[in-house]
Amino acid sequence: MKFGSTNQFDSVPVISDNGIITKAYLKGLEGSIKQRTPIAGDNVTIKVTDGGYNISVTGGSANISNFKIITLTVCSNGTPSTIEVYGV
């Protein structure tokens, strides 16, 4: 994610009690979605697919000081799988 921590996200806006969708609400909703959208970086490609994202990596792993490897459980073509990422 863009800012690296779940507690750094802006709050998702809610529609006011009168039920009117305003321009400010839509801009807030768009910003909230963009903030939570995965982004690609060096040697990382992300493609949107039906129902998710296809994340691919090239170049192998590198030694990155002050980071540890975190194993995430994901689904690959309907089959449980894992990926490893660097994090704190």
PDB file of N, CA and C in Angstrom:
ATOM      1  N   MET A   1       0.819  -1.168   0.000  1.00  0.00           N
ATOM      2  CA  MET A   1       0.000   0.000   0.000  1.00  0.00           C
ATOM      3  C   MET A   1       0.875   1.248   0.000  1.00  0.00           C
ATOM      4  N   LYS A   2       0.303   2.342  -0.342  1.00  0.00           N
ATOM      5  CA  LYS A   2       1.094   3.536  -0.574  1.00  0.00           C
ATOM      6  C   LYS A   2       1.798   4.058   0.666  1.00  0.00           C
ATOM      7  N   PHE A   3       1.218   3.933   1.835  1.00  0.00           N
ATOM      8  CA  PHE A   3       1.828   4.525   3.012  1.00  0.00           C
ATOM      9  C   PHE A   3       2.344   3.495   3.992  1.00  0.00           C
ATOM     10  N   GLY A   4       2.210   2.208   3.704  1.00  0.00           N
ATOM     11  CA  GLY A   4       2.885   1.174   4.452  1.00  0.00           C
ATOM     12  C   GLY A   4       2.273   0.741   5.761  1.00  0.00           C
ATOM     13  N   SER A   5       1.248   1.372   6.241  1.00  0.00           N
ATOM     14  CA  SER A   5       0.658   0.996   7.515  1.00  0.00           C
ATOM     15  C   SER A   5      -0.849   1.181   7.459  1.00  0.00           C
ATOM     16  N   THR A   6      -1.582   0.206   7.983  1.00  0.00           N
ATOM     17  CA  THR A   6      -3.041   0.282   7.899  1.00  0.00           C
ATOM     18  C   THR A   6      -3.611   1.428   8.714  1.00  0.00           C
ATOM     19  N   ASN A   7      -2.913   1.861   9.763  1.00  0.00           N
ATOM     20  CA  ASN A   7      -3.465   2.958  10.564  1.00  0.00           C
ATOM     21  C   ASN A   7      -3.129   4.323   9.967  1.00  0.00           C
ATOM     22  N   GLN A   8      -2.496   4.376   8.815  1.00  0.00           N
ATOM     23  CA  GLN A   8      -2.203   5.637   8.159  1.00  0.00           C
ATOM     24  C   GLN A   8      -3.188   5.959   7.040  1.00  0.00           C
ATOM     25  N   PHE A   9      -4.211   5.143   6.851  1.00  0.00           N
ATOM     26  CA  PHE A   9      -5.197   5.405   5.814  1.00  0.00           C
ATOM     27  C   PHE A   9      -6.181   6.476   6.261  1.00  0.00           C
ATOM     28  N   ASP A  10      -6.649   7.284   5.294  1.00  0.00           N
ATOM     29  CA  ASP A  10      -7.751   8.196   5.568  1.00  0.00           C
ATOM     30  C   ASP A  10      -9.008   7.368   5.810  1.00  0.00           C
ATOM     31  N   SER A  11      -9.905   7.900   6.608  1.00  0.00           N
ATOM     32  CA  SER A  11     -11.170   7.203   6.850  1.00  0.00           C
ATOM     33  C   SER A  11     -12.005   7.194   5.584  1.00  0.00           C
ATOM     34  N   VAL A  12     -12.736   6.117   5.376  1.00  0.00           N
ATOM     35  CA  VAL A  12     -13.654   6.033   4.239  1.00  0.00           C
ATOM     36  C   VAL A  12     -14.838   6.938   4.548  1.00  0.00           C
ATOM     37  N   PRO A  13     -15.176   7.867   3.651  1.00  0.00           N
ATOM     38  CA  PRO A  13     -16.288   8.778   3.939  1.00  0.00           C
ATOM     39  C   PRO A  13     -17.619   8.054   3.935  1.00  0.00           C
ATOM     40  N   VAL A  14     -18.567   8.590   4.673  1.00  0.00           N
ATOM     41  CA  VAL A  14     -19.915   8.025   4.706  1.00  0.00           C
ATOM     42  C   VAL A  14     -20.894   9.061   4.180  1.00  0.00           C
ATOM     43  N   ILE A  15     -21.973   8.589   3.607  1.00  0.00           N
ATOM     44  CA  ILE A  15     -23.011   9.485   3.092  1.00  0.00           C
ATOM     45  C   ILE A  15     -23.758  10.067   4.282  1.00  0.00           C
ATOM     46  N   SER A  16     -24.035  11.367   4.210  1.00  0.00           N
ATOM     47  CA  SER A  16     -24.746  12.028   5.303  1.00  0.00           C
ATOM     48  C   SER A  16     -26.164  11.482   5.435  1.00  0.00           C
ATOM     49  N   ASP A  17     -26.806  11.804   6.552  1.00  0.00           N
ATOM     50  CA  ASP A  17     -28.145  11.280   6.846  1.00  0.00           C
ATOM     51  C   ASP A  17     -29.190  11.655   5.802  1.00  0.00           C
ATOM     52  N   ASN A  18     -28.969  12.761   5.080  1.00  0.00           N
ATOM     53  CA  ASN A  18     -29.957  13.146   4.071  1.00  0.00           C
ATOM     54  C   ASN A  18     -29.841  12.318   2.789  1.00  0.00           C
ATOM     55  N   GLY A  19     -28.788  11.488   2.679  1.00  0.00           N
ATOM     56  CA  GLY A  19     -28.636  10.572   1.552  1.00  0.00           C
ATOM     57  C   GLY A  19     -28.170  11.213   0.259  1.00  0.00           C
ATOM     58  N   ILE A  20     -27.754  12.487   0.314  1.00  0.00           N
ATOM     59  CA  ILE A  20     -27.313  13.168  -0.900  1.00  0.00           C
ATOM     60  C   ILE A  20     -25.820  12.924  -1.100  1.00  0.00           C
ATOM     61  N   ILE A  21     -25.474  12.469  -2.298  1.00  0.00           N
ATOM     62  CA  ILE A  21     -24.074  12.230  -2.636  1.00  0.00           C
ATOM     63  C   ILE A  21     -23.496  13.535  -3.193  1.00  0.00           C
ATOM     64  N   THR A  22     -22.506  14.063  -2.496  1.00  0.00           N
ATOM     65  CA  THR A  22     -21.915  15.338  -2.887  1.00  0.00           C
ATOM     66  C   THR A  22     -20.583  15.111  -3.608  1.00  0.00           C
ATOM     67  N   LYS A  23     -20.091  16.181  -4.242  1.00  0.00           N
ATOM     68  CA  LYS A  23     -18.804  16.122  -4.913  1.00  0.00           C
ATOM     69  C   LYS A  23     -17.695  15.846  -3.897  1.00  0.00           C
ATOM     70  N   ALA A  24     -17.793  16.450  -2.723  1.00  0.00           N
ATOM     71  CA  ALA A  24     -16.780  16.228  -1.678  1.00  0.00           C
ATOM     72  C   ALA A  24     -16.773  14.766  -1.234  1.00  0.00           C
ATOM     73  N   TYR A  25     -17.960  14.157  -1.123  1.00  0.00           N
ATOM     74  CA  TYR A  25     -18.046  12.741  -0.759  1.00  0.00           C
ATOM     75  C   TYR A  25     -17.364  11.873  -1.817  1.00  0.00           C
ATOM     76  N   LEU A  26     -17.655  12.133  -3.092  1.00  0.00           N
ATOM     77  CA  LEU A  26     -17.068  11.333  -4.171  1.00  0.00           C
ATOM     78  C   LEU A  26     -15.555  11.500  -4.229  1.00  0.00           C
ATOM     79  N   LYS A  27     -15.056  12.736  -4.035  1.00  0.00           N
ATOM     80  CA  LYS A  27     -13.604  12.953  -4.030  1.00  0.00           C
ATOM     81  C   LYS A  27     -12.958  12.237  -2.845  1.00  0.00           C
ATOM     82  N   GLY A  28     -13.615  12.270  -1.684  1.00  0.00           N
ATOM     83  CA  GLY A  28     -13.100  11.564  -0.516  1.00  0.00           C
ATOM     84  C   GLY A  28     -13.081  10.064  -0.723  1.00  0.00           C
ATOM     85  N   LEU A  29     -14.128   9.530  -1.352  1.00  0.00           N
ATOM     86  CA  LEU A  29     -14.204   8.098  -1.640  1.00  0.00           C
ATOM     87  C   LEU A  29     -13.125   7.694  -2.642  1.00  0.00           C
ATOM     88  N   GLU A  30     -12.930   8.492  -3.685  1.00  0.00           N
ATOM     89  CA  GLU A  30     -11.891   8.211  -4.675  1.00  0.00           C
ATOM     90  C   GLU A  30     -10.505   8.223  -4.023  1.00  0.00           C
ATOM     91  N   GLY A  31     -10.247   9.218  -3.189  1.00  0.00           N
ATOM     92  CA  GLY A  31      -8.958   9.298  -2.511  1.00  0.00           C
ATOM     93  C   GLY A  31      -8.718   8.115  -1.593  1.00  0.00           C
ATOM     94  N   SER A  32      -9.764   7.682  -0.900  1.00  0.00           N
ATOM     95  CA  SER A  32      -9.666   6.534  -0.002  1.00  0.00           C
ATOM     96  C   SER A  32      -9.350   5.256  -0.772  1.00  0.00           C
ATOM     97  N   ILE A  33      -9.978   5.079  -1.922  1.00  0.00           N
ATOM     98  CA  ILE A  33      -9.731   3.884  -2.747  1.00  0.00           C
ATOM     99  C   ILE A  33      -8.315   3.918  -3.317  1.00  0.00           C
ATOM    100  N   LYS A  34      -7.885   5.065  -3.841  1.00  0.00           N
ATOM    101  CA  LYS A  34      -6.542   5.175  -4.407  1.00  0.00           C
ATOM    102  C   LYS A  34      -5.482   4.899  -3.352  1.00  0.00           C
ATOM    103  N   GLN A  35      -5.735   5.337  -2.133  1.00  0.00           N
ATOM    104  CA  GLN A  35      -4.766   5.147  -1.065  1.00  0.00           C
ATOM    105  C   GLN A  35      -4.597   3.680  -0.710  1.00  0.00           C
ATOM    106  N   ARG A  36      -5.611   2.874  -0.928  1.00  0.00           N
ATOM    107  CA  ARG A  36      -5.573   1.463  -0.581  1.00  0.00           C
ATOM    108  C   ARG A  36      -5.212   0.568  -1.768  1.00  0.00           C
ATOM    109  N   THR A  37      -5.017   1.141  -2.939  1.00  0.00           N
ATOM    110  CA  THR A  37      -4.714   0.381  -4.140  1.00  0.00           C
ATOM    111  C   THR A  37      -3.229   0.032  -4.173  1.00  0.00           C
ATOM    112  N   PRO A  38      -2.896  -1.244  -4.397  1.00  0.00           N
ATOM    113  CA  PRO A  38      -1.479  -1.607  -4.494  1.00  0.00           C
ATOM    114  C   PRO A  38      -0.802  -0.841  -5.624  1.00  0.00           C
ATOM    115  N   ILE A  39       0.465  -0.508  -5.417  1.00  0.00           N
ATOM    116  CA  ILE A  39       1.218   0.182  -6.456  1.00  0.00           C
ATOM    117  C   ILE A  39       2.449  -0.640  -6.808  1.00  0.00           C
ATOM    118  N   ALA A  40       2.859  -0.546  -8.037  1.00  0.00           N
ATOM    119  CA  ALA A  40       4.057  -1.260  -8.489  1.00  0.00           C
ATOM    120  C   ALA A  40       5.285  -0.429  -8.157  1.00  0.00           C
ATOM    121  N   GLY A  41       6.416  -1.083  -8.131  1.00  0.00           N
ATOM    122  CA  GLY A  41       7.685  -0.411  -7.873  1.00  0.00           C
ATOM    123  C   GLY A  41       8.769  -1.062  -8.699  1.00  0.00           C
ATOM    124  N   ASP A  42      10.015  -0.900  -8.264  1.00  0.00           N
ATOM    125  CA  ASP A  42      11.130  -1.505  -8.975  1.00  0.00           C
ATOM    126  C   ASP A  42      10.940  -3.017  -9.045  1.00  0.00           C
ATOM    127  N   ASN A  43      10.976  -3.576 -10.240  1.00  0.00           N
ATOM    128  CA  ASN A  43      10.879  -5.018 -10.488  1.00  0.00           C
ATOM    129  C   ASN A  43       9.537  -5.624 -10.071  1.00  0.00           C
ATOM    130  N   VAL A  44       8.508  -4.802  -9.858  1.00  0.00           N
ATOM    131  CA  VAL A  44       7.193  -5.306  -9.464  1.00  0.00           C
ATOM    132  C   VAL A  44       6.170  -4.821 -10.483  1.00  0.00           C
ATOM    133  N   THR A  45       5.355  -5.749 -10.993  1.00  0.00           N
ATOM    134  CA  THR A  45       4.297  -5.420 -11.938  1.00  0.00           C
ATOM    135  C   THR A  45       2.968  -5.839 -11.338  1.00  0.00           C
ATOM    136  N   ILE A  46       1.985  -4.952 -11.384  1.00  0.00           N
ATOM    137  CA  ILE A  46       0.654  -5.263 -10.864  1.00  0.00           C
ATOM    138  C   ILE A  46      -0.354  -5.030 -11.982  1.00  0.00           C
ATOM    139  N   LYS A  47      -1.140  -6.061 -12.281  1.00  0.00           N
ATOM    140  CA  LYS A  47      -2.195  -5.955 -13.287  1.00  0.00           C
ATOM    141  C   LYS A  47      -3.523  -6.265 -12.627  1.00  0.00           C
ATOM    142  N   VAL A  48      -4.546  -5.477 -12.948  1.00  0.00           N
ATOM    143  CA  VAL A  48      -5.884  -5.717 -12.423  1.00  0.00           C
ATOM    144  C   VAL A  48      -6.500  -6.873 -13.198  1.00  0.00           C
ATOM    145  N   THR A  49      -7.072  -7.840 -12.475  1.00  0.00           N
ATOM    146  CA  THR A  49      -7.739  -8.980 -13.095  1.00  0.00           C
ATOM    147  C   THR A  49      -9.150  -9.071 -12.542  1.00  0.00           C
ATOM    148  N   ASP A  50      -9.951  -9.935 -13.105  1.00  0.00           N
ATOM    149  CA  ASP A  50     -11.298 -10.142 -12.572  1.00  0.00           C
ATOM    150  C   ASP A  50     -11.194 -10.611 -11.136  1.00  0.00           C
ATOM    151  N   GLY A  51     -11.705  -9.811 -10.223  1.00  0.00           N
ATOM    152  CA  GLY A  51     -11.742 -10.219  -8.826  1.00  0.00           C
ATOM    153  C   GLY A  51     -10.449 -10.044  -8.061  1.00  0.00           C
ATOM    154  N   GLY A  52      -9.461  -9.313  -8.593  1.00  0.00           N
ATOM    155  CA  GLY A  52      -8.242  -9.132  -7.816  1.00  0.00           C
ATOM    156  C   GLY A  52      -7.112  -8.516  -8.612  1.00  0.00           C
ATOM    157  N   TYR A  53      -5.899  -8.809  -8.167  1.00  0.00           N
ATOM    158  CA  TYR A  53      -4.695  -8.277  -8.792  1.00  0.00           C
ATOM    159  C   TYR A  53      -3.736  -9.420  -9.101  1.00  0.00           C
ATOM    160  N   ASN A  54      -2.976  -9.283 -10.180  1.00  0.00           N
ATOM    161  CA  ASN A  54      -1.918 -10.219 -10.504  1.00  0.00           C
ATOM    162  C   ASN A  54      -0.608  -9.492 -10.237  1.00  0.00           C
ATOM    163  N   ILE A  55       0.121  -9.919  -9.207  1.00  0.00           N
ATOM    164  CA  ILE A  55       1.363  -9.275  -8.812  1.00  0.00           C
ATOM    165  C   ILE A  55       2.513 -10.176  -9.220  1.00  0.00           C
ATOM    166  N   SER A  56       3.452  -9.645 -10.017  1.00  0.00           N
ATOM    167  CA  SER A  56       4.611 -10.428 -10.419  1.00  0.00           C
ATOM    168  C   SER A  56       5.878  -9.650 -10.094  1.00  0.00           C
ATOM    169  N   VAL A  57       6.945 -10.403  -9.841  1.00  0.00           N
ATOM    170  CA  VAL A  57       8.218  -9.815  -9.429  1.00  0.00           C
ATOM    171  C   VAL A  57       9.322 -10.380 -10.304  1.00  0.00           C
ATOM    172  N   THR A  58      10.283  -9.547 -10.665  1.00  0.00           N
ATOM    173  CA  THR A  58      11.450 -10.000 -11.408  1.00  0.00           C
ATOM    174  C   THR A  58      12.704  -9.580 -10.657  1.00  0.00           C
ATOM    175  N   GLY A  59      13.794 -10.222 -10.941  1.00  0.00           N
ATOM    176  CA  GLY A  59      15.069  -9.803 -10.379  1.00  0.00           C
ATOM    177  C   GLY A  59      15.471 -10.532  -9.119  1.00  0.00           C
ATOM    178  N   GLY A  60      14.654 -11.444  -8.616  1.00  0.00           N
ATOM    179  CA  GLY A  60      15.032 -12.184  -7.412  1.00  0.00           C
ATOM    180  C   GLY A  60      14.989 -11.334  -6.168  1.00  0.00           C
ATOM    181  N   SER A  61      15.473 -11.889  -5.071  1.00  0.00           N
ATOM    182  CA  SER A  61      15.448 -11.150  -3.813  1.00  0.00           C
ATOM    183  C   SER A  61      16.778 -10.459  -3.584  1.00  0.00           C
ATOM    184  N   ALA A  62      16.741  -9.435  -2.789  1.00  0.00           N
ATOM    185  CA  ALA A  62      17.950  -8.683  -2.453  1.00  0.00           C
ATOM    186  C   ALA A  62      18.027  -8.559  -0.937  1.00  0.00           C
ATOM    187  N   ASN A  63      19.214  -8.343  -0.436  1.00  0.00           N
ATOM    188  CA  ASN A  63      19.366  -8.111   0.991  1.00  0.00           C
ATOM    189  C   ASN A  63      18.995  -6.669   1.298  1.00  0.00           C
ATOM    190  N   ILE A  64      17.998  -6.494   2.119  1.00  0.00           N
ATOM    191  CA  ILE A  64      17.553  -5.165   2.509  1.00  0.00           C
ATOM    192  C   ILE A  64      17.697  -5.071   4.015  1.00  0.00           C
ATOM    193  N   SER A  65      18.590  -4.195   4.470  1.00  0.00           N
ATOM    194  CA  SER A  65      18.826  -4.095   5.912  1.00  0.00           C
ATOM    195  C   SER A  65      17.612  -3.495   6.614  1.00  0.00           C
ATOM    196  N   ASN A  66      17.419  -3.868   7.863  1.00  0.00           N
ATOM    197  CA  ASN A  66      16.344  -3.378   8.727  1.00  0.00           C
ATOM    198  C   ASN A  66      14.960  -3.856   8.319  1.00  0.00           C
ATOM    199  N   PHE A  67      14.862  -4.783   7.399  1.00  0.00           N
ATOM    200  CA  PHE A  67      13.573  -5.348   7.012  1.00  0.00           C
ATOM    201  C   PHE A  67      13.603  -6.849   7.253  1.00  0.00           C
ATOM    202  N   LYS A  68      12.430  -7.417   7.513  1.00  0.00           N
ATOM    203  CA  LYS A  68      12.333  -8.866   7.632  1.00  0.00           C
ATOM    204  C   LYS A  68      11.405  -9.382   6.542  1.00  0.00           C
ATOM    205  N   ILE A  69      11.506 -10.653   6.247  1.00  0.00           N
ATOM    206  CA  ILE A  69      10.636 -11.267   5.244  1.00  0.00           C
ATOM    207  C   ILE A  69       9.329 -11.670   5.917  1.00  0.00           C
ATOM    208  N   ILE A  70       8.210 -11.234   5.339  1.00  0.00           N
ATOM    209  CA  ILE A  70       6.876 -11.564   5.850  1.00  0.00           C
ATOM    210  C   ILE A  70       6.211 -12.453   4.815  1.00  0.00           C
ATOM    211  N   THR A  71       5.714 -13.602   5.247  1.00  0.00           N
ATOM    212  CA  THR A  71       5.039 -14.539   4.346  1.00  0.00           C
ATOM    213  C   THR A  71       3.537 -14.279   4.402  1.00  0.00           C
ATOM    214  N   LEU A  72       2.942 -14.037   3.254  1.00  0.00           N
ATOM    215  CA  LEU A  72       1.507 -13.771   3.152  1.00  0.00           C
ATOM    216  C   LEU A  72       0.817 -14.941   2.462  1.00  0.00           C
ATOM    217  N   THR A  73      -0.322 -15.327   2.972  1.00  0.00           N
ATOM    218  CA  THR A  73      -1.127 -16.361   2.329  1.00  0.00           C
ATOM    219  C   THR A  73      -2.028 -15.688   1.307  1.00  0.00           C
ATOM    220  N   VAL A  74      -1.962 -16.160   0.081  1.00  0.00           N
ATOM    221  CA  VAL A  74      -2.745 -15.591  -1.019  1.00  0.00           C
ATOM    222  C   VAL A  74      -3.431 -16.721  -1.774  1.00  0.00           C
ATOM    223  N   CYS A  75      -4.174 -16.363  -2.794  1.00  0.00           N
ATOM    224  CA  CYS A  75      -4.836 -17.352  -3.642  1.00  0.00           C
ATOM    225  C   CYS A  75      -4.323 -17.165  -5.055  1.00  0.00           C
ATOM    226  N   SER A  76      -3.856 -18.233  -5.673  1.00  0.00           N
ATOM    227  CA  SER A  76      -3.345 -18.182  -7.036  1.00  0.00           C
ATOM    228  C   SER A  76      -4.173 -19.116  -7.905  1.00  0.00           C
ATOM    229  N   ASN A  77      -4.968 -18.557  -8.799  1.00  0.00           N
ATOM    230  CA  ASN A  77      -5.858 -19.336  -9.672  1.00  0.00           C
ATOM    231  C   ASN A  77      -6.745 -20.283  -8.877  1.00  0.00           C
ATOM    232  N   GLY A  78      -7.261 -19.793  -7.766  1.00  0.00           N
ATOM    233  CA  GLY A  78      -8.159 -20.595  -6.940  1.00  0.00           C
ATOM    234  C   GLY A  78      -7.461 -21.555  -6.005  1.00  0.00           C
ATOM    235  N   THR A  79      -6.129 -21.579  -6.007  1.00  0.00           N
ATOM    236  CA  THR A  79      -5.366 -22.481  -5.154  1.00  0.00           C
ATOM    237  C   THR A  79      -4.621 -21.664  -4.101  1.00  0.00           C
ATOM    238  N   PRO A  80      -4.712 -22.041  -2.826  1.00  0.00           N
ATOM    239  CA  PRO A  80      -3.962 -21.308  -1.798  1.00  0.00           C
ATOM    240  C   PRO A  80      -2.464 -21.336  -2.097  1.00  0.00           C
ATOM    241  N   SER A  81      -1.819 -20.227  -1.863  1.00  0.00           N
ATOM    242  CA  SER A  81      -0.401 -20.093  -2.124  1.00  0.00           C
ATOM    243  C   SER A  81       0.179 -19.090  -1.134  1.00  0.00           C
ATOM    244  N   THR A  82       1.468 -18.822  -1.214  1.00  0.00           N
ATOM    245  CA  THR A  82       2.090 -17.818  -0.347  1.00  0.00           C
ATOM    246  C   THR A  82       3.013 -16.945  -1.175  1.00  0.00           C
ATOM    247  N   ILE A  83       3.217 -15.721  -0.706  1.00  0.00           N
ATOM    248  CA  ILE A  83       4.236 -14.840  -1.261  1.00  0.00           C
ATOM    249  C   ILE A  83       5.026 -14.279  -0.093  1.00  0.00           C
ATOM    250  N   GLU A  84       6.262 -13.897  -0.361  1.00  0.00           N
ATOM    251  CA  GLU A  84       7.101 -13.307   0.671  1.00  0.00           C
ATOM    252  C   GLU A  84       7.389 -11.870   0.286  1.00  0.00           C
ATOM    253  N   VAL A  85       7.230 -10.969   1.261  1.00  0.00           N
ATOM    254  CA  VAL A  85       7.488  -9.542   1.044  1.00  0.00           C
ATOM    255  C   VAL A  85       8.414  -9.044   2.146  1.00  0.00           C
ATOM    256  N   TYR A  86       9.079  -7.906   1.870  1.00  0.00           N
ATOM    257  CA  TYR A  86       9.909  -7.283   2.900  1.00  0.00           C
ATOM    258  C   TYR A  86       9.065  -6.306   3.691  1.00  0.00           C
ATOM    259  N   GLY A  87       9.231  -6.287   4.998  1.00  0.00           N
ATOM    260  CA  GLY A  87       8.481  -5.370   5.845  1.00  0.00           C
ATOM    261  C   GLY A  87       9.164  -5.174   7.174  1.00  0.00           C
ATOM    262  N   VAL A  88       8.557  -4.355   8.019  1.00  0.00           N
ATOM    263  CA  VAL A  88       9.117  -4.089   9.347  1.00  0.00           C
ATOM    264  C   VAL A  88       8.330  -4.830  10.401  1.00  0.00           C
TER     265      VAL A  88
END
